[in-house]
Amino acid sequence: MAYKPQFGPGTSSVAENRRKQMNPGYKLKKMRDISDEEVVLLMGHRAPGAAYPTAHPPLAEAGEPKCPVRKLVTPLDGAKAGDRVRYIQFADSMWFAPCHPYLRSYLEAIRYRGVDPGTLSGRQIVECRERDLEKIAKELVESEIFDAGRTGIRGATVHGHSLRLDENGMMFDMLARYVYDPKAKTVKYVKNQIGEPLDKPIDVGKSGDDKWLKANTTIFNSNGGVAFRSDTEYVEWVQRVHSLRTKYGFMPME
């Protein structure tokens, strides 16, 4: 019998959205176009067109000892070239953002090779070799799991992101990395992820309306959304995992 992956419990729309995003067989919908140059500018690690800085010689020149694992695992382009490791970091609003920090780490670990994702309080970071990161970052920012108003690209000073929205439905940002254009009704980044001003703004499109956000969010929210305790199956599994972890922690004798 073929194994069918199980990506999570639950019968609610939130649970289904979580399973969908974690499933590598599901192709994330493209919602906007961001150029390769704009992705590089948003992250701010190197100038567009500049050579990739390296951390070690290319693997073909490194003279590594023979190893059976190296024959089994094909290195990514960045590893082949010896690229340094860089990052992109996201913040997601608790107010119906399409993704959330823990889920981002799950889906990135499932969907991509050679990545090191991590969740810290209200932020989520993904690290990997620089040229590979740019491809991954482009896919993530262009996809349905990024919303112009409820998702932020923030490499520093992330705090306060999910606590409030302004009159245009956008998250608070201490460094004001992005602004709302009332004429175009789109969001434009005027600074890169660590707050350095950009020479020209980068348009990331319109934020989804409340109806779309609530239908596509992966966040339980009892204030107008799906309440966590309304999904009985999800509650039962969380309680089961919590109970087993607690018992294991105490190491009860049989």
C-alpha atoms as a PDB file:
ATOM      1  CA  MET A   1       0.000   0.000   0.000  1.00  0.00           C
ATOM      2  CA  ALA A   2       1.370   3.413  -0.978  1.00  0.00           C
ATOM      3  CA  TYR A   3       1.993   5.798   1.889  1.00  0.00           C
ATOM      4  CA  LYS A   4      -0.187   8.889   1.873  1.00  0.00           C
ATOM      5  CA  PRO A   5       1.391  11.820   3.731  1.00  0.00           C
ATOM      6  CA  GLN A   6      -0.676  13.433   6.471  1.00  0.00           C
ATOM      7  CA  PHE A   7       0.112  17.110   6.910  1.00  0.00           C
ATOM      8  CA  GLY A   8      -2.155  17.897   9.824  1.00  0.00           C
ATOM      9  CA  PRO A   9      -5.540  17.271  11.452  1.00  0.00           C
ATOM     10  CA  GLY A  10      -8.704  19.336  11.392  1.00  0.00           C
ATOM     11  CA  THR A  11     -11.896  19.800   9.429  1.00  0.00           C
ATOM     12  CA  SER A  12     -12.003  23.614   9.253  1.00  0.00           C
ATOM     13  CA  SER A  13     -10.940  25.850   6.374  1.00  0.00           C
ATOM     14  CA  VAL A  14      -7.892  26.906   8.403  1.00  0.00           C
ATOM     15  CA  ALA A  15      -6.808  23.274   8.771  1.00  0.00           C
ATOM     16  CA  GLU A  16      -7.349  22.631   5.070  1.00  0.00           C
ATOM     17  CA  ASN A  17      -5.320  25.706   4.119  1.00  0.00           C
ATOM     18  CA  ARG A  18      -2.473  24.493   6.340  1.00  0.00           C
ATOM     19  CA  ARG A  19      -2.467  21.047   4.710  1.00  0.00           C
ATOM     20  CA  LYS A  20      -2.562  22.616   1.253  1.00  0.00           C
ATOM     21  CA  GLN A  21       0.439  24.860   1.870  1.00  0.00           C
ATOM     22  CA  MET A  22       2.534  22.066   3.382  1.00  0.00           C
ATOM     23  CA  ASN A  23       1.765  19.656   0.547  1.00  0.00           C
ATOM     24  CA  PRO A  24       4.596  19.844  -2.023  1.00  0.00           C
ATOM     25  CA  GLY A  25       2.213  18.396  -4.588  1.00  0.00           C
ATOM     26  CA  TYR A  26       0.177  21.602  -4.420  1.00  0.00           C
ATOM     27  CA  LYS A  27       1.564  24.402  -6.566  1.00  0.00           C
ATOM     28  CA  LEU A  28       1.345  27.726  -4.779  1.00  0.00           C
ATOM     29  CA  LYS A  29      -0.684  30.232  -6.777  1.00  0.00           C
ATOM     30  CA  LYS A  30       1.219  33.147  -8.230  1.00  0.00           C
ATOM     31  CA  MET A  31      -0.366  36.443  -7.143  1.00  0.00           C
ATOM     32  CA  ARG A  32       2.122  39.090  -8.356  1.00  0.00           C
ATOM     33  CA  ASP A  33       5.249  39.630 -10.445  1.00  0.00           C
ATOM     34  CA  ILE A  34       8.484  40.636  -8.723  1.00  0.00           C
ATOM     35  CA  SER A  35      11.611  40.868 -10.870  1.00  0.00           C
ATOM     36  CA  ASP A  36      14.881  39.142  -9.954  1.00  0.00           C
ATOM     37  CA  GLU A  37      16.470  42.546  -9.418  1.00  0.00           C
ATOM     38  CA  GLU A  38      13.684  43.631  -7.063  1.00  0.00           C
ATOM     39  CA  VAL A  39      14.096  40.457  -4.975  1.00  0.00           C
ATOM     40  CA  VAL A  40      17.810  41.220  -4.604  1.00  0.00           C
ATOM     41  CA  LEU A  41      17.055  44.826  -3.621  1.00  0.00           C
ATOM     42  CA  LEU A  42      14.428  43.804  -1.045  1.00  0.00           C
ATOM     43  CA  MET A  43      16.863  41.473   0.707  1.00  0.00           C
ATOM     44  CA  GLY A  44      19.794  43.898   0.490  1.00  0.00           C
ATOM     45  CA  HIS A  45      22.614  41.355   0.639  1.00  0.00           C
ATOM     46  CA  ARG A  46      24.356  42.347  -2.589  1.00  0.00           C
ATOM     47  CA  ALA A  47      23.978  44.826  -5.442  1.00  0.00           C
ATOM     48  CA  PRO A  48      21.980  43.539  -8.437  1.00  0.00           C
ATOM     49  CA  GLY A  49      24.368  42.166 -11.036  1.00  0.00           C
ATOM     50  CA  ALA A  50      27.278  41.850  -8.606  1.00  0.00           C
ATOM     51  CA  ALA A  51      29.135  38.566  -8.310  1.00  0.00           C
ATOM     52  CA  TYR A  52      28.069  36.231  -5.528  1.00  0.00           C
ATOM     53  CA  PRO A  53      30.516  36.422  -2.591  1.00  0.00           C
ATOM     54  CA  THR A  54      31.855  32.999  -1.639  1.00  0.00           C
ATOM     55  CA  ALA A  55      32.474  31.216   1.637  1.00  0.00           C
ATOM     56  CA  HIS A  56      34.654  28.464   0.177  1.00  0.00           C
ATOM     57  CA  PRO A  57      36.032  27.363  -3.221  1.00  0.00           C
ATOM     58  CA  PRO A  58      33.692  25.699  -5.724  1.00  0.00           C
ATOM     59  CA  LEU A  59      33.158  22.035  -4.873  1.00  0.00           C
ATOM     60  CA  ALA A  60      34.767  20.973  -8.144  1.00  0.00           C
ATOM     61  CA  GLU A  61      37.996  22.644  -6.996  1.00  0.00           C
ATOM     62  CA  ALA A  62      37.862  21.790  -3.300  1.00  0.00           C
ATOM     63  CA  GLY A  63      39.373  18.338  -3.607  1.00  0.00           C
ATOM     64  CA  GLU A  64      37.002  16.773  -1.096  1.00  0.00           C
ATOM     65  CA  PRO A  65      37.642  13.153  -0.074  1.00  0.00           C
ATOM     66  CA  LYS A  66      35.509  10.449  -1.632  1.00  0.00           C
ATOM     67  CA  CYS A  67      32.270   9.852   0.228  1.00  0.00           C
ATOM     68  CA  PRO A  68      29.258   7.654  -0.676  1.00  0.00           C
ATOM     69  CA  VAL A  69      26.864  10.348   0.577  1.00  0.00           C
ATOM     70  CA  ARG A  70      28.285  12.855  -1.927  1.00  0.00           C
ATOM     71  CA  LYS A  71      27.403  10.425  -4.695  1.00  0.00           C
ATOM     72  CA  LEU A  72      23.828  10.166  -3.447  1.00  0.00           C
ATOM     73  CA  VAL A  73      23.163  13.867  -2.807  1.00  0.00           C
ATOM     74  CA  THR A  74      23.340  16.328  -5.695  1.00  0.00           C
ATOM     75  CA  PRO A  75      24.532  19.703  -4.387  1.00  0.00           C
ATOM     76  CA  LEU A  76      22.475  22.788  -5.130  1.00  0.00           C
ATOM     77  CA  ASP A  77      23.889  25.464  -7.429  1.00  0.00           C
ATOM     78  CA  GLY A  78      24.854  27.682  -4.521  1.00  0.00           C
ATOM     79  CA  ALA A  79      26.754  24.905  -2.776  1.00  0.00           C
ATOM     80  CA  LYS A  80      28.521  23.973  -6.009  1.00  0.00           C
ATOM     81  CA  ALA A  81      29.740  27.550  -6.388  1.00  0.00           C
ATOM     82  CA  GLY A  82      30.652  27.998  -2.718  1.00  0.00           C
ATOM     83  CA  ASP A  83      28.121  30.788  -2.059  1.00  0.00           C
ATOM     84  CA  ARG A  84      27.836  32.260   1.414  1.00  0.00           C
ATOM     85  CA  VAL A  85      24.624  31.671   3.389  1.00  0.00           C
ATOM     86  CA  ARG A  86      22.109  34.572   3.436  1.00  0.00           C
ATOM     87  CA  TYR A  87      18.531  35.005   4.651  1.00  0.00           C
ATOM     88  CA  ILE A  88      15.094  36.497   4.116  1.00  0.00           C
ATOM     89  CA  GLN A  89      12.774  37.045   7.069  1.00  0.00           C
ATOM     90  CA  PHE A  90       8.997  37.420   7.190  1.00  0.00           C
ATOM     91  CA  ALA A  91       6.465  38.693   9.707  1.00  0.00           C
ATOM     92  CA  ASP A  92       2.795  37.708   9.480  1.00  0.00           C
ATOM     93  CA  SER A  93      -0.150  39.529  11.005  1.00  0.00           C
ATOM     94  CA  MET A  94      -2.435  37.617  13.356  1.00  0.00           C
ATOM     95  CA  TRP A  95      -5.266  39.344  11.494  1.00  0.00           C
ATOM     96  CA  PHE A  96      -5.839  36.709   8.838  1.00  0.00           C
ATOM     97  CA  ALA A  97      -2.479  36.676   7.111  1.00  0.00           C
ATOM     98  CA  PRO A  98      -2.383  33.820   4.560  1.00  0.00           C
ATOM     99  CA  CYS A  99       0.508  32.118   6.391  1.00  0.00           C
ATOM    100  CA  HIS A 100       2.045  32.197   9.868  1.00  0.00           C
ATOM    101  CA  PRO A 101       5.575  31.825  11.261  1.00  0.00           C
ATOM    102  CA  TYR A 102       5.488  28.160  12.297  1.00  0.00           C
ATOM    103  CA  LEU A 103       3.752  27.050   9.127  1.00  0.00           C
ATOM    104  CA  ARG A 104       6.315  28.892   7.005  1.00  0.00           C
ATOM    105  CA  SER A 105       9.077  26.809   8.578  1.00  0.00           C
ATOM    106  CA  TYR A 106       7.128  23.597   8.032  1.00  0.00           C
ATOM    107  CA  LEU A 107       6.328  24.239   4.389  1.00  0.00           C
ATOM    108  CA  GLU A 108       9.814  25.492   3.517  1.00  0.00           C
ATOM    109  CA  ALA A 109      11.441  22.439   5.072  1.00  0.00           C
ATOM    110  CA  ILE A 110       9.067  20.228   3.093  1.00  0.00           C
ATOM    111  CA  ARG A 111       9.181  22.068  -0.231  1.00  0.00           C
ATOM    112  CA  TYR A 112      12.836  23.099  -0.559  1.00  0.00           C
ATOM    113  CA  ARG A 113      16.232  21.445  -0.314  1.00  0.00           C
ATOM    114  CA  GLY A 114      19.227  22.928   1.459  1.00  0.00           C
ATOM    115  CA  VAL A 115      17.259  25.411   3.568  1.00  0.00           C
ATOM    116  CA  ASP A 116      17.463  26.231   7.264  1.00  0.00           C
ATOM    117  CA  PRO A 117      14.093  27.700   8.311  1.00  0.00           C
ATOM    118  CA  GLY A 118      13.385  28.919  11.815  1.00  0.00           C
ATOM    119  CA  THR A 119      10.596  30.573  13.773  1.00  0.00           C
ATOM    120  CA  LEU A 120      11.346  33.130  16.489  1.00  0.00           C
ATOM    121  CA  SER A 121       8.358  34.640  18.322  1.00  0.00           C
ATOM    122  CA  GLY A 122       6.433  36.490  15.601  1.00  0.00           C
ATOM    123  CA  ARG A 123       8.976  36.226  12.815  1.00  0.00           C
ATOM    124  CA  GLN A 124      10.179  33.529  10.452  1.00  0.00           C
ATOM    125  CA  ILE A 125      13.561  33.290   8.784  1.00  0.00           C
ATOM    126  CA  VAL A 126      14.826  31.040   6.010  1.00  0.00           C
ATOM    127  CA  GLU A 127      18.545  30.736   5.303  1.00  0.00           C
ATOM    128  CA  CYS A 128      20.412  29.007   2.478  1.00  0.00           C
ATOM    129  CA  ARG A 129      23.066  29.588  -0.180  1.00  0.00           C
ATOM    130  CA  GLU A 130      22.601  33.013  -1.713  1.00  0.00           C
ATOM    131  CA  ARG A 131      21.720  32.197  -5.333  1.00  0.00           C
ATOM    132  CA  ASP A 132      19.338  29.454  -4.208  1.00  0.00           C
ATOM    133  CA  LEU A 133      17.771  31.789  -1.646  1.00  0.00           C
ATOM    134  CA  GLU A 134      16.953  34.351  -4.329  1.00  0.00           C
ATOM    135  CA  LYS A 135      14.963  31.759  -6.285  1.00  0.00           C
ATOM    136  CA  ILE A 136      13.095  30.625  -3.175  1.00  0.00           C
ATOM    137  CA  ALA A 137      12.440  34.188  -1.990  1.00  0.00           C
ATOM    138  CA  LYS A 138      11.023  35.134  -5.389  1.00  0.00           C
ATOM    139  CA  GLU A 139       8.608  32.197  -5.311  1.00  0.00           C
ATOM    140  CA  LEU A 140       7.514  32.950  -1.745  1.00  0.00           C
ATOM    141  CA  VAL A 141       6.947  36.678  -2.313  1.00  0.00           C
ATOM    142  CA  GLU A 142       5.100  36.152  -5.594  1.00  0.00           C
ATOM    143  CA  SER A 143       2.835  33.438  -4.170  1.00  0.00           C
ATOM    144  CA  GLU A 144      -0.464  33.300  -2.306  1.00  0.00           C
ATOM    145  CA  ILE A 145       1.258  32.890   1.080  1.00  0.00           C
ATOM    146  CA  PHE A 146       2.462  36.504   0.893  1.00  0.00           C
ATOM    147  CA  ASP A 147      -0.028  39.347   1.278  1.00  0.00           C
ATOM    148  CA  ALA A 148       1.070  42.917   0.627  1.00  0.00           C
ATOM    149  CA  GLY A 149      -0.624  44.312   3.736  1.00  0.00           C
ATOM    150  CA  ARG A 150      -0.578  41.394   6.180  1.00  0.00           C
ATOM    151  CA  THR A 151       2.910  40.029   5.431  1.00  0.00           C
ATOM    152  CA  GLY A 152       6.129  41.963   5.914  1.00  0.00           C
ATOM    153  CA  ILE A 153       9.690  41.357   4.735  1.00  0.00           C
ATOM    154  CA  ARG A 154      11.639  42.380   7.835  1.00  0.00           C
ATOM    155  CA  GLY A 155      15.230  41.532   8.595  1.00  0.00           C
ATOM    156  CA  ALA A 156      15.392  43.741  11.700  1.00  0.00           C
ATOM    157  CA  THR A 157      13.080  45.495  14.177  1.00  0.00           C
ATOM    158  CA  VAL A 158      10.128  43.154  13.703  1.00  0.00           C
ATOM    159  CA  HIS A 159       8.300  43.799  16.982  1.00  0.00           C
ATOM    160  CA  GLY A 160       4.696  44.953  17.117  1.00  0.00           C
ATOM    161  CA  HIS A 161       3.895  43.610  13.681  1.00  0.00           C
ATOM    162  CA  SER A 162       0.765  41.612  14.442  1.00  0.00           C
ATOM    163  CA  LEU A 163      -0.830  43.733  17.136  1.00  0.00           C
ATOM    164  CA  ARG A 164      -2.586  46.336  15.048  1.00  0.00           C
ATOM    165  CA  LEU A 165      -3.533  47.411  11.524  1.00  0.00           C
ATOM    166  CA  ASP A 166      -3.705  50.948  10.179  1.00  0.00           C
ATOM    167  CA  GLU A 167      -6.644  52.500   8.354  1.00  0.00           C
ATOM    168  CA  ASN A 168      -5.572  50.792   5.118  1.00  0.00           C
ATOM    169  CA  GLY A 169      -5.409  47.325   6.671  1.00  0.00           C
ATOM    170  CA  MET A 170      -1.611  47.251   6.833  1.00  0.00           C
ATOM    171  CA  MET A 171       0.601  46.004   9.667  1.00  0.00           C
ATOM    172  CA  PHE A 172       2.470  48.465  11.806  1.00  0.00           C
ATOM    173  CA  ASP A 173       6.192  48.638  10.946  1.00  0.00           C
ATOM    174  CA  MET A 174       8.585  50.527  13.213  1.00  0.00           C
ATOM    175  CA  LEU A 175      11.023  51.141  10.320  1.00  0.00           C
ATOM    176  CA  ALA A 176       8.292  52.068   7.786  1.00  0.00           C
ATOM    177  CA  ARG A 177       9.747  49.801   5.118  1.00  0.00           C
ATOM    178  CA  TYR A 178       6.605  49.969   3.015  1.00  0.00           C
ATOM    179  CA  VAL A 179       3.899  52.545   2.322  1.00  0.00           C
ATOM    180  CA  TYR A 180       0.383  52.465   0.958  1.00  0.00           C
ATOM    181  CA  ASP A 181      -0.156  54.261  -2.338  1.00  0.00           C
ATOM    182  CA  PRO A 182      -3.739  55.619  -2.135  1.00  0.00           C
ATOM    183  CA  LYS A 183      -3.849  56.394  -5.845  1.00  0.00           C
ATOM    184  CA  ALA A 184      -2.762  52.960  -7.101  1.00  0.00           C
ATOM    185  CA  LYS A 185      -4.152  51.223  -3.973  1.00  0.00           C
ATOM    186  CA  THR A 186      -1.015  49.116  -3.827  1.00  0.00           C
ATOM    187  CA  VAL A 187       1.785  48.615  -1.312  1.00  0.00           C
ATOM    188  CA  LYS A 188       5.287  49.808  -2.149  1.00  0.00           C
ATOM    189  CA  TYR A 189       8.538  49.008  -0.376  1.00  0.00           C
ATOM    190  CA  VAL A 190      10.708  52.089   0.041  1.00  0.00           C
ATOM    191  CA  LYS A 191      13.352  50.353   2.189  1.00  0.00           C
ATOM    192  CA  ASN A 192      14.937  46.918   2.120  1.00  0.00           C
ATOM    193  CA  GLN A 193      14.392  44.323   4.830  1.00  0.00           C
ATOM    194  CA  ILE A 194      16.845  45.917   7.279  1.00  0.00           C
ATOM    195  CA  GLY A 195      15.515  49.447   6.754  1.00  0.00           C
ATOM    196  CA  GLU A 196      17.975  50.892   4.239  1.00  0.00           C
ATOM    197  CA  PRO A 197      16.291  53.290   1.758  1.00  0.00           C
ATOM    198  CA  LEU A 198      15.821  52.054  -1.802  1.00  0.00           C
ATOM    199  CA  ASP A 199      16.618  54.224  -4.823  1.00  0.00           C
ATOM    200  CA  LYS A 200      13.156  53.513  -6.215  1.00  0.00           C
ATOM    201  CA  PRO A 201      10.048  51.957  -4.633  1.00  0.00           C
ATOM    202  CA  ILE A 202       9.143  48.323  -5.304  1.00  0.00           C
ATOM    203  CA  ASP A 203       5.452  47.689  -5.882  1.00  0.00           C
ATOM    204  CA  VAL A 204       4.249  44.386  -4.363  1.00  0.00           C
ATOM    205  CA  GLY A 205       0.634  44.839  -5.409  1.00  0.00           C
ATOM    206  CA  LYS A 206      -2.663  45.054  -3.569  1.00  0.00           C
ATOM    207  CA  SER A 207      -3.532  43.463  -0.271  1.00  0.00           C
ATOM    208  CA  GLY A 208      -6.355  40.914  -0.333  1.00  0.00           C
ATOM    209  CA  ASP A 209      -9.780  41.999   0.844  1.00  0.00           C
ATOM    210  CA  ASP A 210     -11.167  40.687   4.147  1.00  0.00           C
ATOM    211  CA  LYS A 211     -13.279  38.018   2.443  1.00  0.00           C
ATOM    212  CA  TRP A 212     -10.285  36.536   0.595  1.00  0.00           C
ATOM    213  CA  LEU A 213      -8.002  36.770   3.615  1.00  0.00           C
ATOM    214  CA  LYS A 214     -10.451  35.006   5.930  1.00  0.00           C
ATOM    215  CA  ALA A 215     -11.058  32.253   3.362  1.00  0.00           C
ATOM    216  CA  ASN A 216      -7.338  31.658   2.784  1.00  0.00           C
ATOM    217  CA  THR A 217      -5.785  32.273   6.188  1.00  0.00           C
ATOM    218  CA  THR A 218      -3.977  29.586   8.175  1.00  0.00           C
ATOM    219  CA  ILE A 219      -4.534  31.401  11.469  1.00  0.00           C
ATOM    220  CA  PHE A 220      -7.311  30.539  13.907  1.00  0.00           C
ATOM    221  CA  ASN A 221      -9.029  33.711  15.106  1.00  0.00           C
ATOM    222  CA  SER A 222     -12.262  33.926  17.078  1.00  0.00           C
ATOM    223  CA  ASN A 223     -12.733  37.592  16.132  1.00  0.00           C
ATOM    224  CA  GLY A 224     -14.608  37.119  12.875  1.00  0.00           C
ATOM    225  CA  GLY A 225     -12.663  34.072  11.719  1.00  0.00           C
ATOM    226  CA  VAL A 226     -12.502  30.369  12.546  1.00  0.00           C
ATOM    227  CA  ALA A 227     -12.257  29.809  16.306  1.00  0.00           C
ATOM    228  CA  PHE A 228      -9.712  27.171  17.276  1.00  0.00           C
ATOM    229  CA  ARG A 229     -12.084  25.324  19.597  1.00  0.00           C
ATOM    230  CA  SER A 230     -14.679  25.037  16.845  1.00  0.00           C
ATOM    231  CA  ASP A 231     -12.415  22.529  15.078  1.00  0.00           C
ATOM    232  CA  THR A 232     -12.970  19.528  17.361  1.00  0.00           C
ATOM    233  CA  GLU A 233     -10.565  17.217  15.541  1.00  0.00           C
ATOM    234  CA  TYR A 234      -7.761  19.766  15.719  1.00  0.00           C
ATOM    235  CA  VAL A 235      -8.326  20.315  19.451  1.00  0.00           C
ATOM    236  CA  GLU A 236      -8.287  16.576  20.126  1.00  0.00           C
ATOM    237  CA  TRP A 237      -4.951  16.095  18.366  1.00  0.00           C
ATOM    238  CA  VAL A 238      -3.319  19.084  20.051  1.00  0.00           C
ATOM    239  CA  GLN A 239      -4.456  17.760  23.433  1.00  0.00           C
ATOM    240  CA  ARG A 240      -3.167  14.291  22.572  1.00  0.00           C
ATOM    241  CA  VAL A 241       0.265  15.598  21.541  1.00  0.00           C
ATOM    242  CA  HIS A 242       0.443  17.815  24.640  1.00  0.00           C
ATOM    243  CA  SER A 243      -0.490  14.910  26.915  1.00  0.00           C
ATOM    244  CA  LEU A 244       2.051  12.521  25.402  1.00  0.00           C
ATOM    245  CA  ARG A 245       4.845  15.114  25.498  1.00  0.00           C
ATOM    246  CA  THR A 246       4.070  15.907  29.139  1.00  0.00           C
ATOM    247  CA  LYS A 247       4.091  12.230  30.125  1.00  0.00           C
ATOM    248  CA  TYR A 248       7.341  11.661  28.261  1.00  0.00           C
ATOM    249  CA  GLY A 249       8.900  14.647  29.994  1.00  0.00           C
ATOM    250  CA  PHE A 250       8.118  13.118  33.390  1.00  0.00           C
ATOM    251  CA  MET A 251       9.315   9.707  32.112  1.00  0.00           C
ATOM    252  CA  PRO A 252       6.662   7.712  33.997  1.00  0.00           C
ATOM    253  CA  MET A 253       7.574   4.176  34.916  1.00  0.00           C
ATOM    254  CA  GLU A 254       5.504   1.458  33.289  1.00  0.00           C
END
